[in-house]
């Protein structure tokens, strides 16, 4: 929740954000609205990606009914996956 009491749904993409991200964001926003304040929650979205595709902006303009801001990042993500000693019996 931000300082203005809006719920903020953040979709972070490692690389590019295509128009498919809009559907993901809409589902997450719908969930937040349904679970908090019986659908009256004020919700906005943020999409953060390395590359913002033009199809994404077109899809947002045509389909989204809540505020959305787009941001580019220049972070480099590297996966170094190692097992963690843990087991469930």
Protein backbone atom coordinates (compact mmCIF):
# COMPACT_ATOMS: atom_id res chain seq x y z
CA UNK A 1 0.00 0.00 0.00
CA UNK A 2 1.38 3.39 -0.90
CA UNK A 3 1.29 6.58 1.16
CA UNK A 4 -2.05 7.55 -0.44
CA UNK A 5 -3.66 4.27 0.72
CA UNK A 6 -3.67 2.69 -2.75
CA UNK A 7 -2.77 -0.98 -3.11
CA UNK A 8 0.14 -1.36 -5.55
CA UNK A 9 0.51 -4.48 -7.68
CA UNK A 10 4.00 -4.79 -9.14
CA UNK A 11 4.82 -7.02 -12.07
CA UNK A 12 8.59 -7.34 -12.37
CA UNK A 13 10.02 -8.88 -15.52
CA UNK A 14 13.65 -9.91 -15.82
CA UNK A 15 13.82 -8.99 -19.50
CA UNK A 16 10.99 -7.81 -21.72
CA UNK A 17 7.37 -6.98 -21.01
CA UNK A 18 4.99 -8.00 -23.78
CA UNK A 19 1.24 -7.51 -24.05
CA UNK A 20 0.75 -10.80 -22.14
CA UNK A 21 1.81 -8.98 -18.97
CA UNK A 22 -1.46 -7.02 -19.04
CA UNK A 23 -3.49 -10.17 -18.41
CA UNK A 24 -1.25 -11.14 -15.52
CA UNK A 25 -1.53 -7.69 -13.97
CA UNK A 26 -5.32 -7.67 -14.39
CA UNK A 27 -5.62 -11.03 -12.59
CA UNK A 28 -3.48 -9.82 -9.68
CA UNK A 29 -5.39 -6.55 -9.41
CA UNK A 30 -8.69 -8.45 -9.52
CA UNK A 31 -7.49 -10.67 -6.69
CA UNK A 32 -6.47 -7.70 -4.54
CA UNK A 33 -9.80 -6.00 -5.19
CA UNK A 34 -11.79 -9.13 -4.33
CA UNK A 35 -9.86 -9.86 -1.13
CA UNK A 36 -9.60 -6.34 0.28
CA UNK A 37 -12.46 -3.91 0.87
CA UNK A 38 -14.99 -6.03 -1.01
CA UNK A 39 -13.98 -4.75 -4.42
CA UNK A 40 -13.77 -1.12 -3.35
CA UNK A 41 -10.00 -1.13 -2.86
CA UNK A 42 -8.11 1.47 -4.82
CA UNK A 43 -5.50 -0.43 -6.79
CA UNK A 44 -2.84 0.67 -9.24
CA UNK A 45 -0.32 -1.32 -11.20
CA UNK A 46 3.36 -1.04 -11.99
CA UNK A 47 5.18 -2.96 -14.68
CA UNK A 48 8.96 -2.97 -14.42
CA UNK A 49 11.01 -4.52 -17.21
CA UNK A 50 14.24 -4.19 -19.10
CA UNK A 51 12.38 -3.63 -22.39
CA UNK A 52 8.84 -2.31 -22.79
CA UNK A 53 7.31 -3.54 -26.05
CA UNK A 54 4.98 -1.28 -28.03
CA UNK A 55 2.29 -3.99 -27.97
CA UNK A 56 2.25 -3.66 -24.18
CA UNK A 57 1.41 0.04 -24.22
CA UNK A 58 -1.30 -0.54 -26.83
CA UNK A 59 -2.81 -3.33 -24.75
CA UNK A 60 -2.84 -1.19 -21.62
CA UNK A 61 -4.61 1.64 -23.41
CA UNK A 62 -7.26 -0.69 -24.78
CA UNK A 63 -7.92 -2.99 -21.84
CA UNK A 64 -6.99 -1.62 -18.44
CA UNK A 65 -9.41 0.22 -16.14
CA UNK A 66 -6.95 1.08 -13.36
CA UNK A 67 -3.87 3.32 -13.26
CA UNK A 68 -0.68 1.70 -14.58
CA UNK A 69 2.85 3.08 -14.66
CA UNK A 70 5.68 1.60 -16.70
CA UNK A 71 9.33 1.58 -15.63
CA UNK A 72 12.51 0.32 -17.27
CA UNK A 73 15.26 -1.29 -15.25
CA UNK A 74 18.87 -1.94 -16.12
CA UNK A 75 19.49 -4.67 -13.57
CA UNK A 76 21.33 -7.85 -14.46
CA UNK A 77 19.91 -11.00 -12.94
CA UNK A 78 22.06 -14.08 -12.65
CA UNK A 79 20.83 -17.42 -11.40
CA UNK A 80 23.25 -19.38 -9.27
CA UNK A 81 21.08 -22.20 -8.03
CA UNK A 82 22.40 -24.44 -5.26
CA UNK A 83 20.58 -27.00 -3.15
CA UNK A 84 19.56 -26.02 0.36
CA UNK A 85 19.75 -28.73 3.03
CA UNK A 86 16.07 -29.20 3.82
CA UNK A 87 13.68 -32.11 3.79
CA UNK A 88 10.12 -32.89 4.74
CA UNK A 89 9.38 -36.38 6.00
